[in-house]
N, C-alpha and C. Protein backbone atom coordinates (compact mmCIF):
# COMPACT_ATOMS: atom_id res chain seq x y z
N MET A 1 24.53 -18.63 17.02
CA MET A 1 24.93 -17.53 16.27
C MET A 1 25.97 -17.55 15.49
N SER A 2 26.37 -17.04 14.48
CA SER A 2 27.20 -17.08 13.53
C SER A 2 28.49 -16.34 14.05
N ALA A 3 29.67 -16.52 13.70
CA ALA A 3 30.91 -15.59 14.01
C ALA A 3 30.69 -14.14 13.56
N THR A 4 29.99 -13.96 12.31
CA THR A 4 29.88 -12.67 11.82
C THR A 4 28.89 -11.62 12.73
N ALA A 5 27.69 -12.45 13.16
CA ALA A 5 26.93 -11.90 13.95
C ALA A 5 27.21 -11.66 15.35
N SER A 6 28.15 -12.44 15.83
CA SER A 6 28.64 -12.38 17.14
C SER A 6 29.66 -11.05 17.20
N LEU A 7 30.49 -10.95 15.95
CA LEU A 7 31.40 -9.99 15.99
C LEU A 7 30.73 -8.68 15.74
N ALA A 8 29.63 -8.64 15.06
CA ALA A 8 28.92 -7.22 14.82
C ALA A 8 28.37 -6.97 16.24
N ALA A 9 27.82 -7.89 16.95
CA ALA A 9 27.20 -7.62 18.11
C ALA A 9 28.22 -7.07 19.05
N THR A 10 29.36 -7.52 19.21
CA THR A 10 30.32 -7.11 20.24
C THR A 10 30.74 -5.47 19.86
N HIS A 11 30.79 -5.27 18.51
CA HIS A 11 31.01 -3.75 18.00
C HIS A 11 30.00 -3.02 18.28
N LEU A 12 28.60 -3.25 18.26
CA LEU A 12 27.61 -2.51 18.44
C LEU A 12 27.11 -2.24 19.98
N VAL A 13 27.38 -3.09 20.54
CA VAL A 13 27.12 -2.96 22.12
C VAL A 13 27.73 -1.74 22.67
N PRO A 14 29.06 -1.48 22.58
CA PRO A 14 29.63 -0.32 23.22
C PRO A 14 28.94 1.14 22.38
N LEU A 15 28.59 0.93 21.29
CA LEU A 15 28.08 2.08 20.57
C LEU A 15 26.78 2.24 21.08
N ALA A 16 25.97 1.40 21.43
CA ALA A 16 24.52 1.52 22.06
C ALA A 16 24.55 2.14 23.43
N LYS A 17 25.75 1.99 24.08
CA LYS A 17 25.98 2.55 25.45
C LYS A 17 26.00 4.06 25.51
N ASP A 18 26.53 4.55 24.32
CA ASP A 18 27.04 6.07 24.05
C ASP A 18 25.45 6.69 23.91
N LEU A 19 24.50 6.04 23.49
CA LEU A 19 23.29 6.66 23.05
C LEU A 19 22.38 7.01 24.36
N ASP A 20 21.78 8.30 24.27
CA ASP A 20 20.98 8.74 25.25
C ASP A 20 19.58 7.93 25.57
N GLN A 21 19.55 7.23 26.61
CA GLN A 21 18.60 6.09 26.96
C GLN A 21 17.17 6.74 26.94
N ASN A 22 17.08 8.17 27.02
CA ASN A 22 15.76 8.68 27.02
C ASN A 22 15.29 9.23 25.82
N LYS A 23 16.10 9.21 24.74
CA LYS A 23 15.68 9.76 23.47
C LYS A 23 15.81 8.35 22.43
N VAL A 24 14.58 8.33 21.99
CA VAL A 24 14.30 7.28 20.95
C VAL A 24 14.04 7.80 19.53
N THR A 25 14.65 7.46 18.56
CA THR A 25 14.54 7.97 17.37
C THR A 25 14.44 6.84 16.29
N PRO A 26 13.53 6.92 15.02
CA PRO A 26 13.50 5.94 14.07
C PRO A 26 14.88 5.70 13.31
N GLY A 27 15.53 6.69 13.10
CA GLY A 27 16.63 6.71 12.59
C GLY A 27 16.46 6.16 10.91
N VAL A 28 17.58 5.83 10.28
CA VAL A 28 17.69 5.59 8.82
C VAL A 28 16.86 4.36 8.50
N LEU A 29 16.94 3.33 9.29
CA LEU A 29 16.10 2.09 8.96
C LEU A 29 14.52 2.43 9.07
N GLY A 30 13.97 3.27 9.94
CA GLY A 30 12.65 3.80 10.09
C GLY A 30 12.33 4.54 8.77
N PHE A 31 13.13 5.39 8.46
CA PHE A 31 12.98 5.97 7.17
C PHE A 31 12.74 5.13 5.86
N ILE A 32 13.78 4.23 5.66
CA ILE A 32 13.69 3.37 4.74
C ILE A 32 12.49 2.41 4.49
N VAL A 33 12.00 2.10 5.83
CA VAL A 33 10.75 1.28 5.86
C VAL A 33 9.71 2.05 5.43
N PHE A 34 9.73 3.15 6.10
CA PHE A 34 8.42 4.11 5.70
C PHE A 34 8.45 4.49 4.10
N ALA A 35 9.53 4.78 3.63
CA ALA A 35 9.56 5.01 2.02
C ALA A 35 9.07 3.83 1.27
N VAL A 36 9.75 2.67 1.68
CA VAL A 36 9.22 1.38 1.05
C VAL A 36 7.63 1.25 1.09
N ILE A 37 7.04 1.35 2.24
CA ILE A 37 5.62 1.06 2.33
C ILE A 37 4.91 2.16 1.62
N GLY A 38 5.47 3.58 1.60
CA GLY A 38 4.84 4.49 0.62
C GLY A 38 4.79 4.29 -0.79
N GLY A 39 6.15 3.65 -1.20
CA GLY A 39 6.29 3.49 -2.48
C GLY A 39 5.34 2.08 -2.98
N ALA A 40 5.17 1.21 -1.95
CA ALA A 40 4.23 0.07 -2.28
C ALA A 40 2.86 0.54 -2.40
N VAL A 41 2.37 1.50 -1.54
CA VAL A 41 0.89 2.00 -1.74
C VAL A 41 0.78 2.80 -2.91
N TRP A 42 1.70 3.50 -3.35
CA TRP A 42 1.73 4.44 -4.69
C TRP A 42 1.59 3.28 -5.85
N LEU A 43 2.28 2.18 -5.69
CA LEU A 43 2.28 1.30 -6.75
C LEU A 43 1.01 0.61 -6.83
N LEU A 44 0.46 0.07 -5.77
CA LEU A 44 -1.04 -0.66 -5.60
C LEU A 44 -2.10 0.45 -6.11
N MET A 45 -2.15 1.67 -5.76
CA MET A 45 -3.00 2.58 -6.10
C MET A 45 -2.94 2.91 -7.86
N LYS A 46 -1.62 2.86 -8.22
CA LYS A 46 -1.58 3.06 -9.65
C LYS A 46 -2.22 1.83 -10.52
N SER A 47 -1.75 0.58 -9.83
CA SER A 47 -2.32 -0.76 -10.48
C SER A 47 -3.98 -0.73 -10.32
N MET A 48 -4.49 -0.28 -9.29
CA MET A 48 -5.80 -0.30 -8.93
C MET A 48 -6.62 0.54 -9.89
N ASN A 49 -5.92 1.79 -10.27
CA ASN A 49 -6.60 2.80 -11.23
C ASN A 49 -6.48 2.31 -12.61
N LYS A 50 -5.39 1.57 -12.99
CA LYS A 50 -5.45 0.93 -14.11
C LYS A 50 -6.52 -0.03 -14.57
N HIS A 51 -6.47 -0.98 -13.39
CA HIS A 51 -7.70 -2.09 -13.47
C HIS A 51 -9.28 -1.39 -13.36
N MET A 52 -9.36 -0.19 -12.64
CA MET A 52 -10.57 0.39 -12.70
C MET A 52 -11.10 0.89 -13.74
N LYS A 53 -10.09 1.46 -14.57
CA LYS A 53 -10.43 2.07 -15.91
C LYS A 53 -10.80 0.80 -16.97
N LYS A 54 -10.45 -0.38 -16.69
CA LYS A 54 -10.85 -1.40 -17.64
C LYS A 54 -12.36 -1.99 -17.37
N VAL A 55 -12.90 -1.65 -16.27
CA VAL A 55 -14.00 -2.15 -15.91
C VAL A 55 -15.15 -1.37 -16.65
N ASN A 56 -16.08 -2.12 -17.17
CA ASN A 56 -17.22 -1.75 -17.94
C ASN A 56 -18.27 -1.55 -16.82
N PHE A 57 -18.68 -0.36 -16.63
CA PHE A 57 -19.89 -0.04 -15.66
C PHE A 57 -21.13 -0.21 -16.31
N GLU A 58 -21.33 -0.28 -17.65
CA GLU A 58 -22.66 -0.42 -18.24
C GLU A 58 -23.21 -1.62 -18.02
N GLU A 59 -24.51 -1.54 -17.58
CA GLU A 59 -25.22 -2.89 -17.45
C GLU A 59 -25.73 -3.56 -18.66
N ALA A 60 -25.39 -4.86 -18.71
CA ALA A 60 -25.82 -5.50 -19.93
C ALA A 60 -27.30 -5.81 -20.03
N PRO A 61 -27.87 -5.66 -21.41
CA PRO A 61 -29.47 -5.74 -21.39
C PRO A 61 -29.81 -7.44 -21.11
N ASP A 62 -30.79 -7.44 -20.32
CA ASP A 62 -31.54 -8.77 -20.29
C ASP A 62 -31.73 -9.43 -21.46
N ALA A 63 -31.99 -10.80 -21.26
CA ALA A 63 -32.43 -11.43 -22.53
C ALA A 63 -33.90 -11.36 -22.76
N SER A 64 -34.65 -11.16 -21.66
CA SER A 64 -36.00 -10.94 -21.90
C SER A 64 -36.23 -9.72 -22.42
N GLY A 65 -35.68 -8.72 -22.55
CA GLY A 65 -35.98 -7.42 -23.18
C GLY A 65 -36.41 -6.45 -22.05
N GLU A 66 -36.51 -6.86 -20.91
CA GLU A 66 -36.91 -5.96 -19.88
C GLU A 66 -35.91 -5.02 -19.41
N GLN A 67 -36.34 -3.55 -19.17
CA GLN A 67 -35.35 -2.70 -18.62
C GLN A 67 -35.00 -2.85 -17.20
N PRO A 68 -33.91 -2.41 -16.71
CA PRO A 68 -33.81 -2.46 -15.41
C PRO A 68 -34.48 -1.46 -14.52
N ALA A 69 -34.84 -1.65 -13.28
CA ALA A 69 -35.49 -0.84 -12.47
C ALA A 69 -35.15 0.38 -12.52
N GLY A 70 -36.02 1.48 -12.54
CA GLY A 70 -35.41 2.78 -12.48
C GLY A 70 -35.37 3.53 -13.85
N LYS A 71 -35.13 2.82 -14.74
CA LYS A 71 -34.68 3.16 -16.19
C LYS A 71 -36.14 3.33 -17.08
N THR A 72 -36.11 4.78 -17.61
CA THR A 72 -37.26 4.79 -18.26
C THR A 72 -37.01 4.72 -19.84
N GLY A 73 -37.84 4.68 -20.72
CA GLY A 73 -37.76 4.74 -22.22
C GLY A 73 -37.12 5.90 -22.94
N GLY A 74 -36.45 6.79 -22.04
CA GLY A 74 -35.83 7.83 -22.67
C GLY A 74 -36.50 9.00 -22.98
N THR A 75 -37.91 8.93 -22.67
CA THR A 75 -38.71 10.30 -22.59
C THR A 75 -38.52 10.94 -21.42
N THR A 76 -38.84 12.23 -21.44
CA THR A 76 -38.86 13.12 -20.17
C THR A 76 -40.00 13.75 -20.32
N ALA A 77 -40.63 14.24 -19.08
CA ALA A 77 -41.87 14.79 -18.76
C ALA A 77 -41.59 16.39 -18.67
């Protein structure tokens, strides 16, 4: 362990003893992690939406000239 880490540990151990042992809270670090994950999900959803808009859902016609199953010639009864 480096000197800085051991020095930090010696200063934080007395602070930890003052905390209530029966109370557990996520604190600021938990909030920061939650906010980063939320931001990452938002950015991924934004990117997915952009890519889904680029997708062409129209089926390309077959080279044989046949229509896909379930499609009629455009006439209605």
